[in-house]
């Protein structure tokens, strides 16, 4: 490690002000950032911890019926407090990493980092969520811009994530056992107006919607509806854990499992 300053603001306004300092970096749970610092892949001079901002914590149902989760809310809290309202999302949160990760990592930190194999991006995109920042609200369809890339501007903080609650939803993750990230993860959510299917862990462009499966499931919400569908492996991640074709095949398998579990 190396020497750096740590700011611990108590309000969103103070956090935004602190991030205005030269070479300042927001710190959520630190599950990605701290290892990055240790490897010298990043070297901010100031870390602005968001864990003390009370207004960015908690789970509730808003007046519009959406599930509202503060950006600094830990995975463990989502797993326990969201279950009564959005069981599919709570179940996803309960299988992120291990207990240590779930009690430190935050939903806002995960979405801001947008790891191509992280679970929350699939939940946000699959739910048609809205990412709320200190400056604006961003629809999930507009938020994710590629691997480790988002629509967030410099110094912008995710203060809340709003999830429309579906009629049925499920997330299936083919676990990479060493990292506990998704080799492939599929989130399926059924709404009155249609079905959304979001895939993580598979594409070189990060999380994406499988629109062909959405169309098929909108008229027949069953695993059989996607039996004849297939994705190309050309744009999929290919590494020591699996080829692009293997990941493309897994997307179909995990989608069927998610639909069957949700139904």
Protein backbone atom coordinates (compact mmCIF):
# COMPACT_ATOMS: atom_id res chain seq x y z
CA UNK A 1 0.00 0.00 0.00
CA UNK A 2 0.99 3.68 0.04
CA UNK A 3 0.07 6.81 1.98
CA UNK A 4 -3.26 8.50 1.28
CA UNK A 5 -5.83 10.58 3.11
CA UNK A 6 -9.28 9.28 4.10
CA UNK A 7 -12.33 11.53 4.28
CA UNK A 8 -15.44 10.32 6.15
CA UNK A 9 -18.30 12.68 5.23
CA UNK A 10 -21.66 12.39 6.96
CA UNK A 11 -23.86 13.77 4.18
CA UNK A 12 -24.11 13.45 0.40
CA UNK A 13 -23.27 17.14 0.02
CA UNK A 14 -20.10 16.72 2.09
CA UNK A 15 -19.14 13.63 0.09
CA UNK A 16 -19.55 15.48 -3.21
CA UNK A 17 -17.44 18.33 -1.88
CA UNK A 18 -14.72 15.93 -0.73
CA UNK A 19 -14.66 14.27 -4.15
CA UNK A 20 -13.84 17.67 -5.61
CA UNK A 21 -10.32 17.40 -4.23
CA UNK A 22 -7.50 16.49 -6.60
CA UNK A 23 -7.11 12.73 -7.17
CA UNK A 24 -10.04 11.87 -4.86
CA UNK A 25 -11.78 8.52 -5.20
CA UNK A 26 -15.10 7.38 -3.71
CA UNK A 27 -14.90 4.33 -1.44
CA UNK A 28 -17.93 2.12 -0.87
CA UNK A 29 -17.27 -1.27 0.67
CA UNK A 30 -13.79 -1.40 -0.84
CA UNK A 31 -14.12 -4.97 -2.08
CA UNK A 32 -12.68 -4.03 -5.47
CA UNK A 33 -10.91 -0.76 -4.77
CA UNK A 34 -8.69 -1.95 -1.91
CA UNK A 35 -7.20 -4.89 -3.88
CA UNK A 36 -6.74 -2.47 -6.79
CA UNK A 37 -4.74 -0.12 -4.55
CA UNK A 38 -2.63 -2.98 -3.24
CA UNK A 39 -1.69 -3.93 -6.79
CA UNK A 40 -0.90 -0.28 -7.66
CA UNK A 41 -3.49 -0.32 -10.42
CA UNK A 42 -4.87 2.91 -8.96
CA UNK A 43 -3.29 5.47 -6.66
CA UNK A 44 -5.74 8.16 -5.52
CA UNK A 45 -4.40 10.58 -2.94
CA UNK A 46 -7.76 10.82 -1.14
CA UNK A 47 -10.35 8.13 -0.42
CA UNK A 48 -13.83 9.44 0.35
CA UNK A 49 -15.65 6.81 2.39
CA UNK A 50 -19.41 6.70 1.82
CA UNK A 51 -20.14 4.27 4.64
CA UNK A 52 -20.96 7.07 7.11
CA UNK A 53 -23.61 8.72 4.94
CA UNK A 54 -26.81 7.64 6.68
CA UNK A 55 -29.11 9.00 3.95
CA UNK A 56 -27.54 6.53 1.51
CA UNK A 57 -28.40 3.45 3.58
CA UNK A 58 -31.49 1.31 3.96
CA UNK A 59 -34.25 -0.50 2.09
CA UNK A 60 -37.84 0.72 1.74
CA UNK A 61 -40.82 0.74 -0.62
CA UNK A 62 -41.52 4.18 -2.06
CA UNK A 63 -44.86 5.84 -2.65
CA UNK A 64 -44.70 4.70 -6.28
CA UNK A 65 -44.43 1.06 -5.19
CA UNK A 66 -40.79 0.68 -6.21
CA UNK A 67 -38.16 -0.85 -3.96
CA UNK A 68 -35.70 1.88 -2.95
CA UNK A 69 -32.22 0.85 -1.82
CA UNK A 70 -29.61 3.34 -0.64
CA UNK A 71 -26.34 3.29 -2.55
CA UNK A 72 -24.31 2.57 0.61
CA UNK A 73 -26.50 -0.39 1.62
CA UNK A 74 -24.55 -3.63 2.02
CA UNK A 75 -25.34 -6.83 0.18
CA UNK A 76 -26.21 -8.50 3.49
CA UNK A 77 -28.78 -5.82 4.27
CA UNK A 78 -30.34 -6.17 0.82
CA UNK A 79 -30.48 -9.95 1.30
CA UNK A 80 -32.37 -9.63 4.57
CA UNK A 81 -34.49 -6.49 4.22
CA UNK A 82 -35.53 -6.76 0.57
CA UNK A 83 -36.76 -10.35 0.80
CA UNK A 84 -40.31 -9.49 1.83
CA UNK A 85 -40.70 -7.17 -1.16
CA UNK A 86 -38.43 -8.50 -3.92
CA UNK A 87 -37.36 -12.06 -3.16
CA UNK A 88 -35.48 -12.52 -6.45
CA UNK A 89 -33.23 -9.56 -5.73
CA UNK A 90 -32.70 -10.57 -2.11
CA UNK A 91 -31.72 -14.09 -3.17
CA UNK A 92 -29.17 -12.68 -5.61
CA UNK A 93 -27.64 -10.52 -2.87
CA UNK A 94 -27.43 -13.48 -0.49
CA UNK A 95 -25.03 -15.31 -2.84
CA UNK A 96 -22.61 -12.51 -3.65
CA UNK A 97 -19.10 -13.43 -2.55
CA UNK A 98 -18.85 -14.73 1.01
CA UNK A 99 -20.14 -13.37 4.37
CA UNK A 100 -17.21 -10.96 4.68
CA UNK A 101 -17.87 -9.51 1.22
CA UNK A 102 -21.63 -9.30 1.80
CA UNK A 103 -21.18 -7.40 5.04
CA UNK A 104 -18.80 -4.83 3.50
CA UNK A 105 -19.67 -4.54 -0.17
CA UNK A 106 -22.41 -2.12 -1.24
CA UNK A 107 -24.92 -2.05 -4.08
CA UNK A 108 -23.78 1.42 -5.14
CA UNK A 109 -20.14 0.38 -5.20
CA UNK A 110 -20.92 -2.66 -7.31
CA UNK A 111 -22.95 -0.71 -9.85
CA UNK A 112 -20.38 2.10 -10.02
CA UNK A 113 -17.59 -0.40 -10.67
CA UNK A 114 -19.66 -2.38 -13.20
CA UNK A 115 -17.46 -5.46 -13.19
CA UNK A 116 -18.40 -7.56 -16.25
CA UNK A 117 -19.06 -10.56 -14.00
CA UNK A 118 -20.79 -8.81 -11.09
CA UNK A 119 -24.33 -9.80 -10.11
CA UNK A 120 -26.02 -6.45 -9.38
CA UNK A 121 -25.69 -5.10 -12.94
CA UNK A 122 -27.83 -8.01 -14.13
CA UNK A 123 -30.41 -7.28 -11.43
CA UNK A 124 -30.55 -3.57 -12.26
CA UNK A 125 -30.75 -4.06 -16.01
CA UNK A 126 -33.10 -7.04 -15.71
CA UNK A 127 -35.44 -5.08 -13.46
CA UNK A 128 -35.38 -1.88 -15.49
CA UNK A 129 -34.10 -0.10 -12.39
CA UNK A 130 -33.30 3.58 -12.04
CA UNK A 131 -29.88 4.59 -10.74
CA UNK A 132 -30.23 7.80 -8.74
CA UNK A 133 -27.18 9.98 -8.18
CA UNK A 134 -26.53 13.25 -6.40
CA UNK A 135 -27.17 14.99 -9.73
CA UNK A 136 -29.79 13.02 -11.71
CA UNK A 137 -31.69 9.78 -12.34
CA UNK A 138 -30.41 7.33 -14.97
CA UNK A 139 -32.42 4.46 -16.45
CA UNK A 140 -30.52 1.17 -16.29
CA UNK A 141 -30.80 0.83 -20.08
CA UNK A 142 -28.78 4.05 -20.38
CA UNK A 143 -26.45 3.51 -17.44
CA UNK A 144 -24.29 0.55 -18.47
CA UNK A 145 -21.88 1.48 -21.26
CA UNK A 146 -19.51 -1.48 -21.44
CA UNK A 147 -16.96 -3.36 -19.39
CA UNK A 148 -16.17 -1.31 -16.25
CA UNK A 149 -17.84 1.66 -17.95
CA UNK A 150 -20.96 3.57 -16.88
CA UNK A 151 -22.76 6.84 -17.52
CA UNK A 152 -21.48 8.29 -14.23
CA UNK A 153 -19.61 11.56 -14.48
CA UNK A 154 -16.48 12.35 -12.51
CA UNK A 155 -17.37 12.84 -8.83
CA UNK A 156 -20.95 11.59 -9.28
CA UNK A 157 -22.26 9.33 -6.49
CA UNK A 158 -24.94 6.66 -6.62
CA UNK A 159 -27.24 7.64 -3.75
CA UNK A 160 -30.12 5.22 -4.41
CA UNK A 161 -31.29 2.47 -6.73
CA UNK A 162 -35.02 2.12 -7.46
CA UNK A 163 -36.35 -1.25 -8.57
CA UNK A 164 -39.82 -1.78 -10.07
CA UNK A 165 -41.10 -4.90 -8.32
CA UNK A 166 -41.94 -7.66 -10.81
CA UNK A 167 -44.63 -10.32 -10.77
CA UNK A 168 -41.90 -12.97 -10.74
CA UNK A 169 -38.12 -12.95 -10.91
CA UNK A 170 -35.12 -15.20 -10.46
CA UNK A 171 -31.35 -15.07 -10.85
CA UNK A 172 -29.24 -18.05 -11.77
CA UNK A 173 -25.47 -17.89 -11.50
CA UNK A 174 -22.94 -20.40 -12.80
CA UNK A 175 -20.33 -19.81 -10.14
CA UNK A 176 -16.64 -19.37 -10.78
CA UNK A 177 -15.57 -21.14 -7.55
CA UNK A 178 -12.33 -19.25 -6.89
CA UNK A 179 -13.69 -15.72 -7.18
CA UNK A 180 -17.40 -16.47 -6.60
CA UNK A 181 -18.17 -14.12 -9.47
CA UNK A 182 -20.51 -15.26 -12.21
CA UNK A 183 -18.95 -17.23 -15.04
CA UNK A 184 -22.41 -16.57 -16.46
CA UNK A 185 -25.37 -15.11 -14.57
CA UNK A 186 -28.89 -14.54 -15.88
CA UNK A 187 -31.57 -12.40 -14.22
CA UNK A 188 -35.15 -12.85 -15.47
CA UNK A 189 -38.00 -10.57 -14.37
CA UNK A 190 -41.63 -10.76 -15.49
CA UNK A 191 -43.75 -7.60 -15.49
CA UNK A 192 -47.27 -6.92 -16.70
CA UNK A 193 -45.83 -5.07 -19.70
CA UNK A 194 -43.29 -7.77 -20.61
CA UNK A 195 -40.25 -9.80 -19.60
CA UNK A 196 -36.66 -8.61 -19.16
CA UNK A 197 -33.63 -10.89 -19.38
CA UNK A 198 -30.19 -9.56 -18.39
CA UNK A 199 -26.93 -11.47 -18.69
CA UNK A 200 -23.69 -10.90 -16.79
CA UNK A 201 -20.30 -12.62 -16.92
CA UNK A 202 -20.55 -13.56 -20.58
CA UNK A 203 -19.98 -10.64 -22.94
CA UNK A 204 -16.90 -8.62 -23.75
CA UNK A 205 -19.21 -5.59 -23.61
CA UNK A 206 -20.37 -6.31 -20.06
CA UNK A 207 -23.95 -6.83 -18.92
CA UNK A 208 -26.55 -6.97 -21.70
CA UNK A 209 -30.21 -7.74 -22.37
CA UNK A 210 -31.09 -10.85 -24.37
CA UNK A 211 -33.94 -9.32 -26.33
CA UNK A 212 -34.68 -12.43 -28.39
CA UNK A 213 -35.39 -14.38 -25.20
CA UNK A 214 -37.48 -11.50 -23.84
CA UNK A 215 -39.73 -11.61 -26.89
CA UNK A 216 -40.18 -15.36 -26.65
CA UNK A 217 -40.91 -15.28 -22.93
CA UNK A 218 -43.40 -12.43 -23.22
CA UNK A 219 -45.84 -14.74 -25.01
CA UNK A 220 -44.89 -17.96 -23.20
CA UNK A 221 -43.21 -17.60 -19.80
CA UNK A 222 -41.72 -21.07 -19.62
CA UNK A 223 -38.32 -22.67 -20.11
CA UNK A 224 -39.59 -24.24 -23.32
CA UNK A 225 -39.93 -20.80 -24.89
CA UNK A 226 -36.15 -20.35 -25.08
CA UNK A 227 -35.28 -23.94 -26.01
CA UNK A 228 -34.73 -23.10 -29.68
CA UNK A 229 -32.78 -19.90 -29.07
CA UNK A 230 -29.01 -19.55 -29.13
CA UNK A 231 -26.45 -16.79 -28.85
CA UNK A 232 -23.23 -16.50 -30.84
CA UNK A 233 -20.00 -17.01 -28.94
CA UNK A 234 -18.10 -14.52 -31.11
CA UNK A 235 -18.49 -11.55 -28.76
CA UNK A 236 -18.34 -13.56 -25.55
CA UNK A 237 -15.48 -13.62 -23.05
CA UNK A 238 -13.01 -16.41 -23.74
CA UNK A 239 -10.47 -17.23 -21.04
CA UNK A 240 -9.03 -20.09 -19.03
CA UNK A 241 -12.43 -20.65 -17.37
CA UNK A 242 -14.37 -21.14 -20.60
CA UNK A 243 -14.55 -20.29 -24.28
CA UNK A 244 -16.96 -17.82 -25.81
CA UNK A 245 -19.03 -20.67 -27.22
CA UNK A 246 -19.19 -22.30 -23.79
CA UNK A 247 -20.43 -19.08 -22.21
CA UNK A 248 -22.99 -18.59 -24.97
CA UNK A 249 -24.31 -22.08 -24.28
CA UNK A 250 -24.42 -21.38 -20.55
CA UNK A 251 -26.56 -18.28 -21.13
CA UNK A 252 -29.28 -20.50 -22.57
CA UNK A 253 -28.98 -23.02 -19.77
CA UNK A 254 -29.10 -20.44 -16.99
CA UNK A 255 -32.00 -18.59 -18.63
CA UNK A 256 -34.05 -21.76 -18.66
CA UNK A 257 -33.25 -22.39 -15.01
CA UNK A 258 -34.13 -18.82 -14.03
CA UNK A 259 -37.46 -18.97 -15.86
CA UNK A 260 -38.33 -22.33 -14.35
CA UNK A 261 -37.47 -21.12 -10.84
CA UNK A 262 -39.39 -17.86 -11.29
CA UNK A 263 -42.45 -19.59 -12.71
